[in-house]
Amino acid sequence: YFCFGDVIAFDTTYKKNKYNYPLVIFSGC
């Protein structure tokens, strides 16, 4: 993040876990 965190993608799509909680991913390039 310190090197490439100038742009981030932020999405919530995945619920395939025991708690059926959405998984949020912070990603970049």
mmCIF file of all heavy atoms, coordinates in Angstrom:
data_MODEL
# 
_entry.id   MODEL 
# 
loop_
_atom_site.group_PDB 
_atom_site.id 
_atom_site.type_symbol 
_atom_site.label_atom_id 
_atom_site.label_alt_id 
_atom_site.label_comp_id 
_atom_site.label_asym_id 
_atom_site.label_entity_id 
_atom_site.label_seq_id 
_atom_site.pdbx_PDB_ins_code 
_atom_site.Cartn_x 
_atom_site.Cartn_y 
_atom_site.Cartn_z 
_atom_site.occupancy 
_atom_site.B_iso_or_equiv 
_atom_site.pdbx_formal_charge 
_atom_site.auth_seq_id 
_atom_site.auth_comp_id 
_atom_site.auth_asym_id 
_atom_site.auth_atom_id 
_atom_site.pdbx_PDB_model_num 
ATOM 1   N N   . TYR A 1 1  ? 0.826   -1.209  0.000   1.00 0.00 ? 1  TYR A N   1 
ATOM 2   C CA  . TYR A 1 1  ? 0.000   0.000   0.000   1.00 0.00 ? 1  TYR A CA  1 
ATOM 3   C C   . TYR A 1 1  ? 0.861   1.259   0.000   1.00 0.00 ? 1  TYR A C   1 
ATOM 4   O O   . TYR A 1 1  ? 0.565   2.225   -0.701  1.00 0.00 ? 1  TYR A O   1 
ATOM 5   C CB  . TYR A 1 1  ? -0.937  0.015   1.208   1.00 0.00 ? 1  TYR A CB  1 
ATOM 6   C CG  . TYR A 1 1  ? -1.824  1.243   1.225   1.00 0.00 ? 1  TYR A CG  1 
ATOM 7   C CD1 . TYR A 1 1  ? -2.958  1.316   0.413   1.00 0.00 ? 1  TYR A CD1 1 
ATOM 8   C CD2 . TYR A 1 1  ? -1.522  2.335   2.032   1.00 0.00 ? 1  TYR A CD2 1 
ATOM 9   C CE1 . TYR A 1 1  ? -3.760  2.439   0.411   1.00 0.00 ? 1  TYR A CE1 1 
ATOM 10  C CE2 . TYR A 1 1  ? -2.323  3.462   2.029   1.00 0.00 ? 1  TYR A CE2 1 
ATOM 11  C CZ  . TYR A 1 1  ? -3.445  3.521   1.225   1.00 0.00 ? 1  TYR A CZ  1 
ATOM 12  O OH  . TYR A 1 1  ? -4.229  4.646   1.209   1.00 0.00 ? 1  TYR A OH  1 
ATOM 13  N N   . PHE A 1 2  ? 1.935   1.257   0.796   1.00 0.00 ? 2  PHE A N   1 
ATOM 14  C CA  . PHE A 1 2  ? 2.806   2.426   0.838   1.00 0.00 ? 2  PHE A CA  1 
ATOM 15  C C   . PHE A 1 2  ? 3.425   2.702   -0.526  1.00 0.00 ? 2  PHE A C   1 
ATOM 16  O O   . PHE A 1 2  ? 3.731   3.844   -0.863  1.00 0.00 ? 2  PHE A O   1 
ATOM 17  C CB  . PHE A 1 2  ? 3.909   2.243   1.882   1.00 0.00 ? 2  PHE A CB  1 
ATOM 18  C CG  . PHE A 1 2  ? 3.385   2.104   3.287   1.00 0.00 ? 2  PHE A CG  1 
ATOM 19  C CD1 . PHE A 1 2  ? 4.055   1.327   4.217   1.00 0.00 ? 2  PHE A CD1 1 
ATOM 20  C CD2 . PHE A 1 2  ? 2.233   2.758   3.688   1.00 0.00 ? 2  PHE A CD2 1 
ATOM 21  C CE1 . PHE A 1 2  ? 3.578   1.196   5.516   1.00 0.00 ? 2  PHE A CE1 1 
ATOM 22  C CE2 . PHE A 1 2  ? 1.740   2.633   4.981   1.00 0.00 ? 2  PHE A CE2 1 
ATOM 23  C CZ  . PHE A 1 2  ? 2.415   1.841   5.904   1.00 0.00 ? 2  PHE A CZ  1 
ATOM 24  N N   . CYS A 1 3  ? 3.621   1.653   -1.326  1.00 0.00 ? 3  CYS A N   1 
ATOM 25  C CA  . CYS A 1 3  ? 4.220   1.811   -2.649  1.00 0.00 ? 3  CYS A CA  1 
ATOM 26  C C   . CYS A 1 3  ? 3.188   2.068   -3.750  1.00 0.00 ? 3  CYS A C   1 
ATOM 27  O O   . CYS A 1 3  ? 3.450   2.837   -4.672  1.00 0.00 ? 3  CYS A O   1 
ATOM 28  C CB  . CYS A 1 3  ? 5.026   0.566   -3.021  1.00 0.00 ? 3  CYS A CB  1 
ATOM 29  S SG  . CYS A 1 3  ? 6.446   0.242   -1.957  1.00 0.00 ? 3  CYS A SG  1 
ATOM 30  N N   . PHE A 1 4  ? 2.014   1.434   -3.657  1.00 0.00 ? 4  PHE A N   1 
ATOM 31  C CA  . PHE A 1 4  ? 1.052   1.468   -4.764  1.00 0.00 ? 4  PHE A CA  1 
ATOM 32  C C   . PHE A 1 4  ? -0.355  1.873   -4.337  1.00 0.00 ? 4  PHE A C   1 
ATOM 33  O O   . PHE A 1 4  ? -1.321  1.628   -5.064  1.00 0.00 ? 4  PHE A O   1 
ATOM 34  C CB  . PHE A 1 4  ? 0.986   0.086   -5.439  1.00 0.00 ? 4  PHE A CB  1 
ATOM 35  C CG  . PHE A 1 4  ? 2.334   -0.475  -5.822  1.00 0.00 ? 4  PHE A CG  1 
ATOM 36  C CD1 . PHE A 1 4  ? 2.833   -1.612  -5.192  1.00 0.00 ? 4  PHE A CD1 1 
ATOM 37  C CD2 . PHE A 1 4  ? 3.107   0.149   -6.784  1.00 0.00 ? 4  PHE A CD2 1 
ATOM 38  C CE1 . PHE A 1 4  ? 4.071   -2.135  -5.531  1.00 0.00 ? 4  PHE A CE1 1 
ATOM 39  C CE2 . PHE A 1 4  ? 4.351   -0.354  -7.136  1.00 0.00 ? 4  PHE A CE2 1 
ATOM 40  C CZ  . PHE A 1 4  ? 4.839   -1.496  -6.511  1.00 0.00 ? 4  PHE A CZ  1 
ATOM 41  N N   . GLY A 1 5  ? -0.484  2.483   -3.170  1.00 0.00 ? 5  GLY A N   1 
ATOM 42  C CA  . GLY A 1 5  ? -1.807  2.813   -2.641  1.00 0.00 ? 5  GLY A CA  1 
ATOM 43  C C   . GLY A 1 5  ? -2.385  4.117   -3.141  1.00 0.00 ? 5  GLY A C   1 
ATOM 44  O O   . GLY A 1 5  ? -3.336  4.628   -2.543  1.00 0.00 ? 5  GLY A O   1 
ATOM 45  N N   . ASP A 1 6  ? -1.849  4.665   -4.233  1.00 0.00 ? 6  ASP A N   1 
ATOM 46  C CA  . ASP A 1 6  ? -2.417  5.904   -4.770  1.00 0.00 ? 6  ASP A CA  1 
ATOM 47  C C   . ASP A 1 6  ? -3.805  5.665   -5.362  1.00 0.00 ? 6  ASP A C   1 
ATOM 48  O O   . ASP A 1 6  ? -4.648  6.557   -5.366  1.00 0.00 ? 6  ASP A O   1 
ATOM 49  C CB  . ASP A 1 6  ? -1.491  6.538   -5.819  1.00 0.00 ? 6  ASP A CB  1 
ATOM 50  C CG  . ASP A 1 6  ? -0.929  5.522   -6.806  1.00 0.00 ? 6  ASP A CG  1 
ATOM 51  O OD1 . ASP A 1 6  ? -1.237  4.329   -6.675  1.00 0.00 ? 6  ASP A OD1 1 
ATOM 52  O OD2 . ASP A 1 6  ? -0.160  5.943   -7.696  1.00 0.00 ? 6  ASP A OD2 1 
ATOM 53  N N   . VAL A 1 7  ? -4.050  4.433   -5.841  1.00 0.00 ? 7  VAL A N   1 
ATOM 54  C CA  . VAL A 1 7  ? -5.369  4.077   -6.369  1.00 0.00 ? 7  VAL A CA  1 
ATOM 55  C C   . VAL A 1 7  ? -5.791  2.741   -5.762  1.00 0.00 ? 7  VAL A C   1 
ATOM 56  O O   . VAL A 1 7  ? -5.024  1.774   -5.805  1.00 0.00 ? 7  VAL A O   1 
ATOM 57  C CB  . VAL A 1 7  ? -5.349  3.937   -7.909  1.00 0.00 ? 7  VAL A CB  1 
ATOM 58  C CG1 . VAL A 1 7  ? -6.756  3.653   -8.427  1.00 0.00 ? 7  VAL A CG1 1 
ATOM 59  C CG2 . VAL A 1 7  ? -4.780  5.189   -8.567  1.00 0.00 ? 7  VAL A CG2 1 
ATOM 60  N N   . ILE A 1 8  ? -6.994  2.688   -5.192  1.00 0.00 ? 8  ILE A N   1 
ATOM 61  C CA  . ILE A 1 8  ? -7.474  1.424   -4.619  1.00 0.00 ? 8  ILE A CA  1 
ATOM 62  C C   . ILE A 1 8  ? -8.848  1.070   -5.179  1.00 0.00 ? 8  ILE A C   1 
ATOM 63  O O   . ILE A 1 8  ? -9.641  1.953   -5.514  1.00 0.00 ? 8  ILE A O   1 
ATOM 64  C CB  . ILE A 1 8  ? -7.546  1.471   -3.072  1.00 0.00 ? 8  ILE A CB  1 
ATOM 65  C CG1 . ILE A 1 8  ? -8.580  2.494   -2.588  1.00 0.00 ? 8  ILE A CG1 1 
ATOM 66  C CG2 . ILE A 1 8  ? -6.189  1.762   -2.473  1.00 0.00 ? 8  ILE A CG2 1 
ATOM 67  C CD1 . ILE A 1 8  ? -8.825  2.435   -1.085  1.00 0.00 ? 8  ILE A CD1 1 
ATOM 68  N N   . ALA A 1 9  ? -9.090  -0.214  -5.314  1.00 0.00 ? 9  ALA A N   1 
ATOM 69  C CA  . ALA A 1 9  ? -10.419 -0.725  -5.676  1.00 0.00 ? 9  ALA A CA  1 
ATOM 70  C C   . ALA A 1 9  ? -11.024 -1.325  -4.415  1.00 0.00 ? 9  ALA A C   1 
ATOM 71  O O   . ALA A 1 9  ? -10.328 -1.976  -3.632  1.00 0.00 ? 9  ALA A O   1 
ATOM 72  C CB  . ALA A 1 9  ? -10.307 -1.773  -6.779  1.00 0.00 ? 9  ALA A CB  1 
ATOM 73  N N   . PHE A 1 10 ? -12.299 -1.104  -4.223  1.00 0.00 ? 10 PHE A N   1 
ATOM 74  C CA  . PHE A 1 10 ? -12.964 -1.447  -2.965  1.00 0.00 ? 10 PHE A CA  1 
ATOM 75  C C   . PHE A 1 10 ? -14.285 -2.121  -3.329  1.00 0.00 ? 10 PHE A C   1 
ATOM 76  O O   . PHE A 1 10 ? -15.148 -1.511  -3.951  1.00 0.00 ? 10 PHE A O   1 
ATOM 77  C CB  . PHE A 1 10 ? -13.164 -0.130  -2.203  1.00 0.00 ? 10 PHE A CB  1 
ATOM 78  C CG  . PHE A 1 10 ? -13.979 -0.186  -0.950  1.00 0.00 ? 10 PHE A CG  1 
ATOM 79  C CD1 . PHE A 1 10 ? -13.976 -1.291  -0.127  1.00 0.00 ? 10 PHE A CD1 1 
ATOM 80  C CD2 . PHE A 1 10 ? -14.728 0.916   -0.568  1.00 0.00 ? 10 PHE A CD2 1 
ATOM 81  C CE1 . PHE A 1 10 ? -14.723 -1.315  1.035   1.00 0.00 ? 10 PHE A CE1 1 
ATOM 82  C CE2 . PHE A 1 10 ? -15.477 0.915   0.595   1.00 0.00 ? 10 PHE A CE2 1 
ATOM 83  C CZ  . PHE A 1 10 ? -15.479 -0.220  1.393   1.00 0.00 ? 10 PHE A CZ  1 
ATOM 84  N N   . ASP A 1 11 ? -14.425 -3.415  -3.006  1.00 0.00 ? 11 ASP A N   1 
ATOM 85  C CA  . ASP A 1 11 ? -15.615 -4.141  -3.436  1.00 0.00 ? 11 ASP A CA  1 
ATOM 86  C C   . ASP A 1 11 ? -16.065 -5.139  -2.378  1.00 0.00 ? 11 ASP A C   1 
ATOM 87  O O   . ASP A 1 11 ? -15.254 -5.681  -1.625  1.00 0.00 ? 11 ASP A O   1 
ATOM 88  C CB  . ASP A 1 11 ? -15.326 -4.875  -4.751  1.00 0.00 ? 11 ASP A CB  1 
ATOM 89  C CG  . ASP A 1 11 ? -16.595 -5.383  -5.416  1.00 0.00 ? 11 ASP A CG  1 
ATOM 90  O OD1 . ASP A 1 11 ? -17.632 -4.706  -5.294  1.00 0.00 ? 11 ASP A OD1 1 
ATOM 91  O OD2 . ASP A 1 11 ? -16.548 -6.443  -6.054  1.00 0.00 ? 11 ASP A OD2 1 
ATOM 92  N N   . THR A 1 12 ? -17.370 -5.386  -2.321  1.00 0.00 ? 12 THR A N   1 
ATOM 93  C CA  . THR A 1 12 ? -17.961 -6.326  -1.375  1.00 0.00 ? 12 THR A CA  1 
ATOM 94  C C   . THR A 1 12 ? -18.837 -7.290  -2.148  1.00 0.00 ? 12 THR A C   1 
ATOM 95  O O   . THR A 1 12 ? -19.908 -6.925  -2.618  1.00 0.00 ? 12 THR A O   1 
ATOM 96  C CB  . THR A 1 12 ? -18.836 -5.573  -0.345  1.00 0.00 ? 12 THR A CB  1 
ATOM 97  O OG1 . THR A 1 12 ? -18.091 -4.481  0.186   1.00 0.00 ? 12 THR A OG1 1 
ATOM 98  C CG2 . THR A 1 12 ? -19.262 -6.494  0.768   1.00 0.00 ? 12 THR A CG2 1 
ATOM 99  N N   . THR A 1 13 ? -18.384 -8.538  -2.282  1.00 0.00 ? 13 THR A N   1 
ATOM 100 C CA  . THR A 1 13 ? -19.157 -9.450  -3.123  1.00 0.00 ? 13 THR A CA  1 
ATOM 101 C C   . THR A 1 13 ? -19.302 -10.867 -2.575  1.00 0.00 ? 13 THR A C   1 
ATOM 102 O O   . THR A 1 13 ? -20.213 -11.583 -2.961  1.00 0.00 ? 13 THR A O   1 
ATOM 103 C CB  . THR A 1 13 ? -18.494 -9.583  -4.515  1.00 0.00 ? 13 THR A CB  1 
ATOM 104 O OG1 . THR A 1 13 ? -17.145 -10.001 -4.331  1.00 0.00 ? 13 THR A OG1 1 
ATOM 105 C CG2 . THR A 1 13 ? -18.514 -8.275  -5.263  1.00 0.00 ? 13 THR A CG2 1 
ATOM 106 N N   . TYR A 1 14 ? -18.439 -11.282 -1.676  1.00 0.00 ? 14 TYR A N   1 
ATOM 107 C CA  . TYR A 1 14 ? -18.285 -12.710 -1.385  1.00 0.00 ? 14 TYR A CA  1 
ATOM 108 C C   . TYR A 1 14 ? -18.828 -13.074 -0.019  1.00 0.00 ? 14 TYR A C   1 
ATOM 109 O O   . TYR A 1 14 ? -18.469 -12.454 0.968   1.00 0.00 ? 14 TYR A O   1 
ATOM 110 C CB  . TYR A 1 14 ? -16.795 -13.047 -1.494  1.00 0.00 ? 14 TYR A CB  1 
ATOM 111 C CG  . TYR A 1 14 ? -16.429 -14.488 -1.270  1.00 0.00 ? 14 TYR A CG  1 
ATOM 112 C CD1 . TYR A 1 14 ? -16.690 -15.454 -2.220  1.00 0.00 ? 14 TYR A CD1 1 
ATOM 113 C CD2 . TYR A 1 14 ? -15.791 -14.879 -0.102  1.00 0.00 ? 14 TYR A CD2 1 
ATOM 114 C CE1 . TYR A 1 14 ? -16.323 -16.767 -2.027  1.00 0.00 ? 14 TYR A CE1 1 
ATOM 115 C CE2 . TYR A 1 14 ? -15.418 -16.192 0.104   1.00 0.00 ? 14 TYR A CE2 1 
ATOM 116 C CZ  . TYR A 1 14 ? -15.689 -17.128 -0.859  1.00 0.00 ? 14 TYR A CZ  1 
ATOM 117 O OH  . TYR A 1 14 ? -15.319 -18.433 -0.660  1.00 0.00 ? 14 TYR A OH  1 
ATOM 118 N N   . LYS A 1 15 ? -19.728 -14.079 0.067   1.00 0.00 ? 15 LYS A N   1 
ATOM 119 C CA  . LYS A 1 15 ? -20.329 -14.456 1.352   1.00 0.00 ? 15 LYS A CA  1 
ATOM 120 C C   . LYS A 1 15 ? -20.140 -15.923 1.695   1.00 0.00 ? 15 LYS A C   1 
ATOM 121 O O   . LYS A 1 15 ? -20.774 -16.433 2.607   1.00 0.00 ? 15 LYS A O   1 
ATOM 122 C CB  . LYS A 1 15 ? -21.830 -14.154 1.338   1.00 0.00 ? 15 LYS A CB  1 
ATOM 123 C CG  . LYS A 1 15 ? -22.180 -12.669 1.334   1.00 0.00 ? 15 LYS A CG  1 
ATOM 124 C CD  . LYS A 1 15 ? -23.678 -12.492 1.472   1.00 0.00 ? 15 LYS A CD  1 
ATOM 125 C CE  . LYS A 1 15 ? -24.063 -11.027 1.548   1.00 0.00 ? 15 LYS A CE  1 
ATOM 126 N NZ  . LYS A 1 15 ? -25.511 -10.849 1.728   1.00 0.00 ? 15 LYS A NZ  1 
ATOM 127 N N   . LYS A 1 16 ? -19.272 -16.597 0.971   1.00 0.00 ? 16 LYS A N   1 
ATOM 128 C CA  . LYS A 1 16 ? -19.146 -18.039 1.167   1.00 0.00 ? 16 LYS A CA  1 
ATOM 129 C C   . LYS A 1 16 ? -18.301 -18.386 2.396   1.00 0.00 ? 16 LYS A C   1 
ATOM 130 O O   . LYS A 1 16 ? -17.206 -18.925 2.302   1.00 0.00 ? 16 LYS A O   1 
ATOM 131 C CB  . LYS A 1 16 ? -18.536 -18.681 -0.089  1.00 0.00 ? 16 LYS A CB  1 
ATOM 132 C CG  . LYS A 1 16 ? -19.356 -18.449 -1.350  1.00 0.00 ? 16 LYS A CG  1 
ATOM 133 C CD  . LYS A 1 16 ? -20.702 -19.141 -1.276  1.00 0.00 ? 16 LYS A CD  1 
ATOM 134 C CE  . LYS A 1 16 ? -21.490 -18.990 -2.560  1.00 0.00 ? 16 LYS A CE  1 
ATOM 135 N NZ  . LYS A 1 16 ? -22.797 -19.624 -2.508  1.00 0.00 ? 16 LYS A NZ  1 
ATOM 136 N N   . ASN A 1 17 ? -18.786 -18.005 3.577   1.00 0.00 ? 17 ASN A N   1 
ATOM 137 C CA  . ASN A 1 17 ? -18.108 -18.372 4.810   1.00 0.00 ? 17 ASN A CA  1 
ATOM 138 C C   . ASN A 1 17 ? -19.145 -18.786 5.838   1.00 0.00 ? 17 ASN A C   1 
ATOM 139 O O   . ASN A 1 17 ? -20.346 -18.577 5.657   1.00 0.00 ? 17 ASN A O   1 
ATOM 140 C CB  . ASN A 1 17 ? -17.240 -17.202 5.332   1.00 0.00 ? 17 ASN A CB  1 
ATOM 141 C CG  . ASN A 1 17 ? -18.034 -15.921 5.481   1.00 0.00 ? 17 ASN A CG  1 
ATOM 142 O OD1 . ASN A 1 17 ? -18.821 -15.772 6.401   1.00 0.00 ? 17 ASN A OD1 1 
ATOM 143 N ND2 . ASN A 1 17 ? -17.840 -14.977 4.556   1.00 0.00 ? 17 ASN A ND2 1 
ATOM 144 N N   . LYS A 1 18 ? -18.690 -19.357 6.914   1.00 0.00 ? 18 LYS A N   1 
ATOM 145 C CA  . LYS A 1 18 ? -19.575 -19.913 7.936   1.00 0.00 ? 18 LYS A CA  1 
ATOM 146 C C   . LYS A 1 18 ? -20.569 -18.885 8.462   1.00 0.00 ? 18 LYS A C   1 
ATOM 147 O O   . LYS A 1 18 ? -21.710 -19.214 8.790   1.00 0.00 ? 18 LYS A O   1 
ATOM 148 C CB  . LYS A 1 18 ? -18.712 -20.466 9.068   1.00 0.00 ? 18 LYS A CB  1 
ATOM 149 C CG  . LYS A 1 18 ? -19.490 -21.107 10.209  1.00 0.00 ? 18 LYS A CG  1 
ATOM 150 C CD  . LYS A 1 18 ? -18.539 -21.657 11.261  1.00 0.00 ? 18 LYS A CD  1 
ATOM 151 C CE  . LYS A 1 18 ? -19.293 -22.322 12.408  1.00 0.00 ? 18 LYS A CE  1 
ATOM 152 N NZ  . LYS A 1 18 ? -18.351 -22.861 13.417  1.00 0.00 ? 18 LYS A NZ  1 
ATOM 153 N N   . TYR A 1 19 ? -20.157 -17.623 8.533   1.00 0.00 ? 19 TYR A N   1 
ATOM 154 C CA  . TYR A 1 19 ? -20.979 -16.583 9.140   1.00 0.00 ? 19 TYR A CA  1 
ATOM 155 C C   . TYR A 1 19 ? -21.859 -15.862 8.120   1.00 0.00 ? 19 TYR A C   1 
ATOM 156 O O   . TYR A 1 19 ? -22.651 -15.002 8.471   1.00 0.00 ? 19 TYR A O   1 
ATOM 157 C CB  . TYR A 1 19 ? -20.075 -15.581 9.842   1.00 0.00 ? 19 TYR A CB  1 
ATOM 158 C CG  . TYR A 1 19 ? -19.029 -16.263 10.685  1.00 0.00 ? 19 TYR A CG  1 
ATOM 159 C CD1 . TYR A 1 19 ? -17.739 -16.469 10.180  1.00 0.00 ? 19 TYR A CD1 1 
ATOM 160 C CD2 . TYR A 1 19 ? -19.316 -16.744 11.949  1.00 0.00 ? 19 TYR A CD2 1 
ATOM 161 C CE1 . TYR A 1 19 ? -16.773 -17.132 10.929  1.00 0.00 ? 19 TYR A CE1 1 
ATOM 162 C CE2 . TYR A 1 19 ? -18.358 -17.408 12.712  1.00 0.00 ? 19 TYR A CE2 1 
ATOM 163 C CZ  . TYR A 1 19 ? -17.092 -17.598 12.186  1.00 0.00 ? 19 TYR A CZ  1 
ATOM 164 O OH  . TYR A 1 19 ? -16.140 -18.262 12.930  1.00 0.00 ? 19 TYR A OH  1 
ATOM 165 N N   . ASN A 1 20 ? -21.699 -16.210 6.831   1.00 0.00 ? 20 ASN A N   1 
ATOM 166 C CA  . ASN A 1 20 ? -22.437 -15.558 5.753   1.00 0.00 ? 20 ASN A CA  1 
ATOM 167 C C   . ASN A 1 20 ? -22.232 -14.048 5.769   1.00 0.00 ? 20 ASN A C   1 
ATOM 168 O O   . ASN A 1 20 ? -23.142 -13.275 5.460   1.00 0.00 ? 20 ASN A O   1 
ATOM 169 C CB  . ASN A 1 20 ? -23.927 -15.888 5.843   1.00 0.00 ? 20 ASN A CB  1 
ATOM 170 C CG  . ASN A 1 20 ? -24.620 -15.698 4.504   1.00 0.00 ? 20 ASN A CG  1 
ATOM 171 O OD1 . ASN A 1 20 ? -24.036 -15.939 3.453   1.00 0.00 ? 20 ASN A OD1 1 
ATOM 172 N ND2 . ASN A 1 20 ? -25.862 -15.248 4.537   1.00 0.00 ? 20 ASN A ND2 1 
ATOM 173 N N   . TYR A 1 21 ? -21.032 -13.631 6.161   1.00 0.00 ? 21 TYR A N   1 
ATOM 174 C CA  . TYR A 1 21 ? -20.677 -12.209 6.163   1.00 0.00 ? 21 TYR A CA  1 
ATOM 175 C C   . TYR A 1 21 ? -20.032 -11.837 4.834   1.00 0.00 ? 21 TYR A C   1 
ATOM 176 O O   . TYR A 1 21 ? -19.245 -12.613 4.278   1.00 0.00 ? 21 TYR A O   1 
ATOM 177 C CB  . TYR A 1 21 ? -19.663 -11.918 7.281   1.00 0.00 ? 21 TYR A CB  1 
ATOM 178 C CG  . TYR A 1 21 ? -20.262 -11.649 8.634   1.00 0.00 ? 21 TYR A CG  1 
ATOM 179 C CD1 . TYR A 1 21 ? -21.568 -12.016 8.939   1.00 0.00 ? 21 TYR A CD1 1 
ATOM 180 C CD2 . TYR A 1 21 ? -19.510 -11.022 9.626   1.00 0.00 ? 21 TYR A CD2 1 
ATOM 181 C CE1 . TYR A 1 21 ? -22.102 -11.770 10.190  1.00 0.00 ? 21 TYR A CE1 1 
ATOM 182 C CE2 . TYR A 1 21 ? -20.034 -10.780 10.887  1.00 0.00 ? 21 TYR A CE2 1 
ATOM 183 C CZ  . TYR A 1 21 ? -21.326 -11.148 11.160  1.00 0.00 ? 21 TYR A CZ  1 
ATOM 184 O OH  . TYR A 1 21 ? -21.860 -10.907 12.403  1.00 0.00 ? 21 TYR A OH  1 
ATOM 185 N N   . PRO A 1 22 ? -20.360 -10.659 4.315   1.00 0.00 ? 22 PRO A N   1 
ATOM 186 C CA  . PRO A 1 22 ? -19.679 -10.198 3.096   1.00 0.00 ? 22 PRO A CA  1 
ATOM 187 C C   . PRO A 1 22 ? -18.183 -10.013 3.353   1.00 0.00 ? 22 PRO A C   1 
ATOM 188 O O   . PRO A 1 22 ? -17.782 -9.537  4.415   1.00 0.00 ? 22 PRO A O   1 
ATOM 189 C CB  . PRO A 1 22 ? -20.346 -8.851  2.809   1.00 0.00 ? 22 PRO A CB  1 
ATOM 190 C CG  . PRO A 1 22 ? -21.642 -8.880  3.555   1.00 0.00 ? 22 PRO A CG  1 
ATOM 191 C CD  . PRO A 1 22 ? -21.385 -9.702  4.776   1.00 0.00 ? 22 PRO A CD  1 
ATOM 192 N N   . LEU A 1 23 ? -17.388 -10.374 2.380   1.00 0.00 ? 23 LEU A N   1 
ATOM 193 C CA  . LEU A 1 23 ? -15.935 -10.160 2.452   1.00 0.00 ? 23 LEU A CA  1 
ATOM 194 C C   . LEU A 1 23 ? -15.591 -8.942  1.616   1.00 0.00 ? 23 LEU A C   1 
ATOM 195 O O   . LEU A 1 23 ? -15.925 -8.868  0.442   1.00 0.00 ? 23 LEU A O   1 
ATOM 196 C CB  . LEU A 1 23 ? -15.184 -11.381 1.926   1.00 0.00 ? 23 LEU A CB  1 
ATOM 197 C CG  . LEU A 1 23 ? -13.662 -11.238 1.828   1.00 0.00 ? 23 LEU A CG  1 
ATOM 198 C CD1 . LEU A 1 23 ? -13.046 -11.100 3.220   1.00 0.00 ? 23 LEU A CD1 1 
ATOM 199 C CD2 . LEU A 1 23 ? -13.059 -12.430 1.089   1.00 0.00 ? 23 LEU A CD2 1 
ATOM 200 N N   . VAL A 1 24 ? -14.954 -7.974  2.234   1.00 0.00 ? 24 VAL A N   1 
ATOM 201 C CA  . VAL A 1 24 ? -14.547 -6.749  1.543   1.00 0.00 ? 24 VAL A CA  1 
ATOM 202 C C   . VAL A 1 24 ? -13.069 -6.853  1.184   1.00 0.00 ? 24 VAL A C   1 
ATOM 203 O O   . VAL A 1 24 ? -12.248 -7.178  2.037   1.00 0.00 ? 24 VAL A O   1 
ATOM 204 C CB  . VAL A 1 24 ? -14.769 -5.504  2.425   1.00 0.00 ? 24 VAL A CB  1 
ATOM 205 C CG1 . VAL A 1 24 ? -14.409 -4.239  1.662   1.00 0.00 ? 24 VAL A CG1 1 
ATOM 206 C CG2 . VAL A 1 24 ? -16.213 -5.449  2.905   1.00 0.00 ? 24 VAL A CG2 1 
ATOM 207 N N   . ILE A 1 25 ? -12.740 -6.576  -0.071  1.00 0.00 ? 25 ILE A N   1 
ATOM 208 C CA  . ILE A 1 25 ? -11.361 -6.634  -0.537  1.00 0.00 ? 25 ILE A CA  1 
ATOM 209 C C   . ILE A 1 25 ? -10.882 -5.231  -0.891  1.00 0.00 ? 25 ILE A C   1 
ATOM 210 O O   . ILE A 1 25 ? -11.551 -4.501  -1.627  1.00 0.00 ? 25 ILE A O   1 
ATOM 211 C CB  . ILE A 1 25 ? -11.220 -7.531  -1.790  1.00 0.00 ? 25 ILE A CB  1 
ATOM 212 C CG1 . ILE A 1 25 ? -11.690 -8.954  -1.492  1.00 0.00 ? 25 ILE A CG1 1 
ATOM 213 C CG2 . ILE A 1 25 ? -9.784  -7.528  -2.308  1.00 0.00 ? 25 ILE A CG2 1 
ATOM 214 C CD1 . ILE A 1 25 ? -10.790 -9.719  -0.572  1.00 0.00 ? 25 ILE A CD1 1 
ATOM 215 N N   . PHE A 1 26 ? -9.725  -4.832  -0.375  1.00 0.00 ? 26 PHE A N   1 
ATOM 216 C CA  . PHE A 1 26 ? -9.052  -3.608  -0.793  1.00 0.00 ? 26 PHE A CA  1 
ATOM 217 C C   . PHE A 1 26 ? -7.885  -4.030  -1.688  1.00 0.00 ? 26 PHE A C   1 
ATOM 218 O O   . PHE A 1 26 ? -6.990  -4.741  -1.225  1.00 0.00 ? 26 PHE A O   1 
ATOM 219 C CB  . PHE A 1 26 ? -8.493  -2.840  0.407   1.00 0.00 ? 26 PHE A CB  1 
ATOM 220 C CG  . PHE A 1 26 ? -9.537  -2.285  1.330   1.00 0.00 ? 26 PHE A CG  1 
ATOM 221 C CD1 . PHE A 1 26 ? -9.992  -3.020  2.413   1.00 0.00 ? 26 PHE A CD1 1 
ATOM 222 C CD2 . PHE A 1 26 ? -10.062 -1.017  1.120   1.00 0.00 ? 26 PHE A CD2 1 
ATOM 223 C CE1 . PHE A 1 26 ? -10.951 -2.514  3.280   1.00 0.00 ? 26 PHE A CE1 1 
ATOM 224 C CE2 . PHE A 1 26 ? -11.013 -0.499  1.976   1.00 0.00 ? 26 PHE A CE2 1 
ATOM 225 C CZ  . PHE A 1 26 ? -11.468 -1.243  3.065   1.00 0.00 ? 26 PHE A CZ  1 
ATOM 226 N N   . SER A 1 27 ? -7.898  -3.613  -2.928  1.00 0.00 ? 27 SER A N   1 
ATOM 227 C CA  . SER A 1 27 ? -6.832  -4.039  -3.825  1.00 0.00 ? 27 SER A CA  1 
ATOM 228 C C   . SER A 1 27 ? -6.326  -2.879  -4.669  1.00 0.00 ? 27 SER A C   1 
ATOM 229 O O   . SER A 1 27 ? -6.925  -1.804  -4.716  1.00 0.00 ? 27 SER A O   1 
ATOM 230 C CB  . SER A 1 27 ? -7.325  -5.168  -4.735  1.00 0.00 ? 27 SER A CB  1 
ATOM 231 O OG  . SER A 1 27 ? -8.347  -4.697  -5.590  1.00 0.00 ? 27 SER A OG  1 
ATOM 232 N N   . GLY A 1 28 ? -5.205  -3.117  -5.332  1.00 0.00 ? 28 GLY A N   1 
ATOM 233 C CA  . GLY A 1 28 ? -4.613  -2.098  -6.186  1.00 0.00 ? 28 GLY A CA  1 
ATOM 234 C C   . GLY A 1 28 ? -3.850  -2.741  -7.324  1.00 0.00 ? 28 GLY A C   1 
ATOM 235 O O   . GLY A 1 28 ? -4.011  -3.923  -7.613  1.00 0.00 ? 28 GLY A O   1 
ATOM 236 N N   . CYS A 1 29 ? -3.002  -1.944  -7.954  1.00 0.00 ? 29 CYS A N   1 
ATOM 237 C CA  . CYS A 1 29 ? -2.236  -2.403  -9.115  1.00 0.00 ? 29 CYS A CA  1 
ATOM 238 C C   . CYS A 1 29 ? -0.761  -2.108  -8.865  1.00 0.00 ? 29 CYS A C   1 
ATOM 239 O O   . CYS A 1 29 ? -0.398  -0.981  -8.552  1.00 0.00 ? 29 CYS A O   1 
ATOM 240 C CB  . CYS A 1 29 ? -2.733  -1.665  -10.361 1.00 0.00 ? 29 CYS A CB  1 
ATOM 241 S SG  . CYS A 1 29 ? -1.903  -2.119  -11.884 1.00 0.00 ? 29 CYS A SG  1 
# 
